Amino acid sequence: MTWGIPTSLFLQIHVFISLIGILSGFVVLYGLLTGQPFAGWTALFLATTGLTSVTGFPLPPFGFDPPRAVGVISLVLLALAVAALYVFHLSGAWRWIFVGSALAALYLNVFVGVTQAFQKVSFLQPLAPTQSEPPFLVAQLAVLAAFIAFGVLATLRFHPEVKAGT
């Protein structure tokens, strides 16, 4: 049992929340790249990505391990993103702090998703049974490179305070 829920069901809920976080994160990324703040999608992304981290902590195995370290880092990044958006309203440097921290949190969710895919998807398992083989490393480096590129573009393009025609 985890939080009064059978652990297998709790894990399914955790994965479902994670997938919502990733999908909504890509919608937010699209908005950042096109200069459109999607308030509802952004709130959904921040909430579900935070819940992903929080619901990961009580899952076995217990102890502080790499997944929990990723969860802590993600929560710090999300706190920065929430402060930048809702407290400082993306003013000044808080715009790029929001873009960077939100995309870094999304990246961490995708990073974990790729790792889980190589561990659990039958046709990927043989390619990288220990997650140290070249296919796994190439996949993770490709994801990282894409997020760096998208992060740079989003930082350059996302200026919500500037309205079209002004």
Protein backbone atom coordinates (compact mmCIF):
# COMPACT_ATOMS: atom_id res chain seq x y z
CA MET A 1 0.00 0.00 0.00
CA THR A 2 1.14 3.50 -0.85
CA TRP A 3 -0.80 6.37 0.72
CA GLY A 4 -3.66 3.92 1.33
CA ILE A 5 -3.74 2.84 -2.33
CA PRO A 6 -2.45 -0.52 -3.61
CA THR A 7 1.09 0.17 -4.82
CA SER A 8 0.43 -1.18 -8.32
CA LEU A 9 -2.53 1.19 -8.73
CA PHE A 10 -0.53 4.06 -7.21
CA LEU A 11 2.22 3.41 -9.78
CA GLN A 12 -0.34 3.50 -12.61
CA ILE A 13 -1.66 6.82 -11.31
CA HIS A 14 1.91 8.14 -11.09
CA VAL A 15 2.62 7.11 -14.70
CA PHE A 16 -0.68 8.61 -15.91
CA ILE A 17 0.10 11.92 -14.19
CA SER A 18 3.61 11.82 -15.68
CA LEU A 19 2.22 11.36 -19.19
CA ILE A 20 -0.20 14.27 -18.71
CA GLY A 21 2.74 16.36 -17.51
CA ILE A 22 4.82 15.48 -20.55
CA LEU A 23 2.00 16.03 -23.05
CA SER A 24 0.92 19.32 -21.51
CA GLY A 25 4.59 20.31 -21.30
CA PHE A 26 4.93 19.90 -25.05
CA VAL A 27 1.87 22.12 -25.55
CA VAL A 28 3.51 24.73 -23.29
CA LEU A 29 6.76 24.36 -25.27
CA TYR A 30 4.83 25.01 -28.49
CA GLY A 31 3.38 28.13 -26.89
CA LEU A 32 6.82 29.30 -25.82
CA LEU A 33 8.20 28.74 -29.32
CA THR A 34 5.32 30.64 -30.91
CA GLY A 35 5.27 33.40 -28.29
CA GLN A 36 1.84 32.42 -26.99
CA PRO A 37 1.29 31.96 -23.26
CA PHE A 38 -1.18 29.12 -22.80
CA ALA A 39 -2.25 29.84 -19.22
CA GLY A 40 -4.41 26.76 -18.72
CA TRP A 41 -1.94 24.36 -20.29
CA THR A 42 0.89 25.93 -18.31
CA ALA A 43 -0.98 25.49 -15.02
CA LEU A 44 -1.75 21.87 -15.94
CA PHE A 45 1.89 21.24 -16.85
CA LEU A 46 3.26 22.77 -13.65
CA ALA A 47 0.73 20.94 -11.45
CA THR A 48 1.10 17.51 -13.06
CA THR A 49 4.88 17.73 -13.28
CA GLY A 50 4.99 18.63 -9.59
CA LEU A 51 2.63 15.76 -8.78
CA THR A 52 4.85 13.44 -10.80
CA SER A 53 7.77 14.23 -8.53
CA VAL A 54 5.75 14.11 -5.32
CA THR A 55 4.11 10.78 -6.18
CA GLY A 56 7.49 9.28 -7.08
CA PHE A 57 8.94 9.66 -3.58
CA PRO A 58 6.81 7.03 -1.76
CA LEU A 59 7.37 4.34 -4.40
CA PRO A 60 9.79 1.49 -3.70
CA PRO A 61 12.70 1.01 -3.56
CA PHE A 62 13.08 3.33 -0.61
CA GLY A 63 16.04 5.56 0.19
CA PHE A 64 17.61 8.51 -1.58
CA ASP A 65 18.52 7.32 -5.07
CA PRO A 66 18.91 8.89 -8.54
CA PRO A 67 15.14 8.99 -9.28
CA ARG A 68 14.52 10.85 -6.02
CA ALA A 69 17.40 13.23 -6.78
CA VAL A 70 15.73 13.98 -10.13
CA GLY A 71 12.47 14.54 -8.25
CA VAL A 72 14.08 17.04 -5.88
CA ILE A 73 15.75 18.91 -8.76
CA SER A 74 12.47 18.96 -10.65
CA LEU A 75 10.61 20.40 -7.65
CA VAL A 76 13.23 23.16 -7.29
CA LEU A 77 12.91 23.97 -11.01
CA LEU A 78 9.13 24.01 -10.75
CA ALA A 79 9.26 26.32 -7.72
CA LEU A 80 11.35 28.72 -9.80
CA ALA A 81 8.93 28.47 -12.72
CA VAL A 82 5.90 29.05 -10.48
CA ALA A 83 7.56 32.05 -8.82
CA ALA A 84 8.62 33.50 -12.17
CA LEU A 85 5.12 33.15 -13.63
CA TYR A 86 2.74 33.77 -10.76
CA VAL A 87 4.76 35.97 -8.38
CA PHE A 88 7.01 37.97 -10.69
CA HIS A 89 4.72 37.82 -13.77
CA LEU A 90 7.64 37.09 -16.13
CA SER A 91 9.04 40.59 -15.66
CA GLY A 92 12.66 41.19 -16.60
CA ALA A 93 14.93 38.22 -16.04
CA TRP A 94 12.00 36.19 -14.70
CA ARG A 95 10.90 35.55 -18.30
CA TRP A 96 13.99 33.54 -19.17
CA ILE A 97 14.08 32.00 -15.69
CA PHE A 98 10.57 30.71 -16.35
CA VAL A 99 11.45 29.38 -19.79
CA GLY A 100 14.64 27.72 -18.57
CA SER A 101 13.22 26.18 -15.41
CA ALA A 102 9.98 25.00 -17.04
CA LEU A 103 11.83 23.39 -19.95
CA ALA A 104 14.41 21.85 -17.64
CA ALA A 105 11.60 20.30 -15.58
CA LEU A 106 9.98 18.99 -18.77
CA TYR A 107 13.35 17.64 -19.91
CA LEU A 108 13.77 15.74 -16.65
CA ASN A 109 10.32 14.20 -17.08
CA VAL A 110 11.20 13.15 -20.64
CA PHE A 111 14.63 11.91 -19.50
CA VAL A 112 12.92 9.62 -16.98
CA GLY A 113 10.42 8.59 -19.67
CA VAL A 114 13.22 7.53 -22.02
CA THR A 115 14.89 5.64 -19.19
CA GLN A 116 11.64 3.87 -18.33
CA ALA A 117 11.06 3.07 -22.01
CA PHE A 118 14.44 1.33 -22.26
CA GLN A 119 13.66 -0.59 -19.07
CA LYS A 120 10.09 -1.64 -19.86
CA VAL A 121 9.42 -1.60 -23.63
CA SER A 122 10.17 -5.07 -24.97
CA PHE A 123 11.88 -4.04 -28.22
CA LEU A 124 14.06 -1.42 -26.49
CA GLN A 125 15.22 -3.60 -23.57
CA PRO A 126 17.68 -5.70 -25.61
CA LEU A 127 19.23 -2.53 -27.08
CA ALA A 128 20.31 -1.24 -23.67
CA PRO A 129 19.72 -3.73 -20.86
CA THR A 130 21.80 -1.72 -18.35
CA GLN A 131 21.12 1.79 -19.76
CA SER A 132 24.83 2.26 -20.38
CA GLU A 133 24.89 0.99 -23.96
CA PRO A 134 25.23 3.28 -27.01
CA PRO A 135 21.54 3.23 -28.09
CA PHE A 136 20.46 4.53 -24.68
CA LEU A 137 23.19 7.16 -24.60
CA VAL A 138 22.41 8.29 -28.16
CA ALA A 139 18.70 8.56 -27.34
CA GLN A 140 19.36 10.59 -24.18
CA LEU A 141 21.88 12.86 -25.93
CA ALA A 142 19.41 13.47 -28.76
CA VAL A 143 16.71 14.42 -26.24
CA LEU A 144 19.14 16.72 -24.42
CA ALA A 145 20.27 18.38 -27.66
CA ALA A 146 16.67 18.93 -28.74
CA PHE A 147 15.78 20.50 -25.39
CA ILE A 148 18.80 22.79 -25.49
CA ALA A 149 17.86 23.93 -28.99
CA PHE A 150 14.20 24.40 -28.04
CA GLY A 151 15.24 26.23 -24.88
CA VAL A 152 17.37 28.71 -26.79
CA LEU A 153 14.62 29.29 -29.36
CA ALA A 154 11.93 29.63 -26.69
CA THR A 155 14.02 32.13 -24.74
CA LEU A 156 14.48 34.20 -27.88
CA ARG A 157 10.86 33.98 -29.04
CA PHE A 158 8.77 34.09 -25.87
CA HIS A 159 7.99 37.70 -25.00
CA PRO A 160 4.42 37.67 -23.65
CA GLU A 161 4.53 41.33 -22.65
CA VAL A 162 5.00 42.38 -26.29
CA LYS A 163 1.71 42.33 -28.19
CA ALA A 164 1.50 41.96 -31.97
CA GLY A 165 1.31 45.29 -33.75
CA THR A 166 2.80 47.34 -30.89
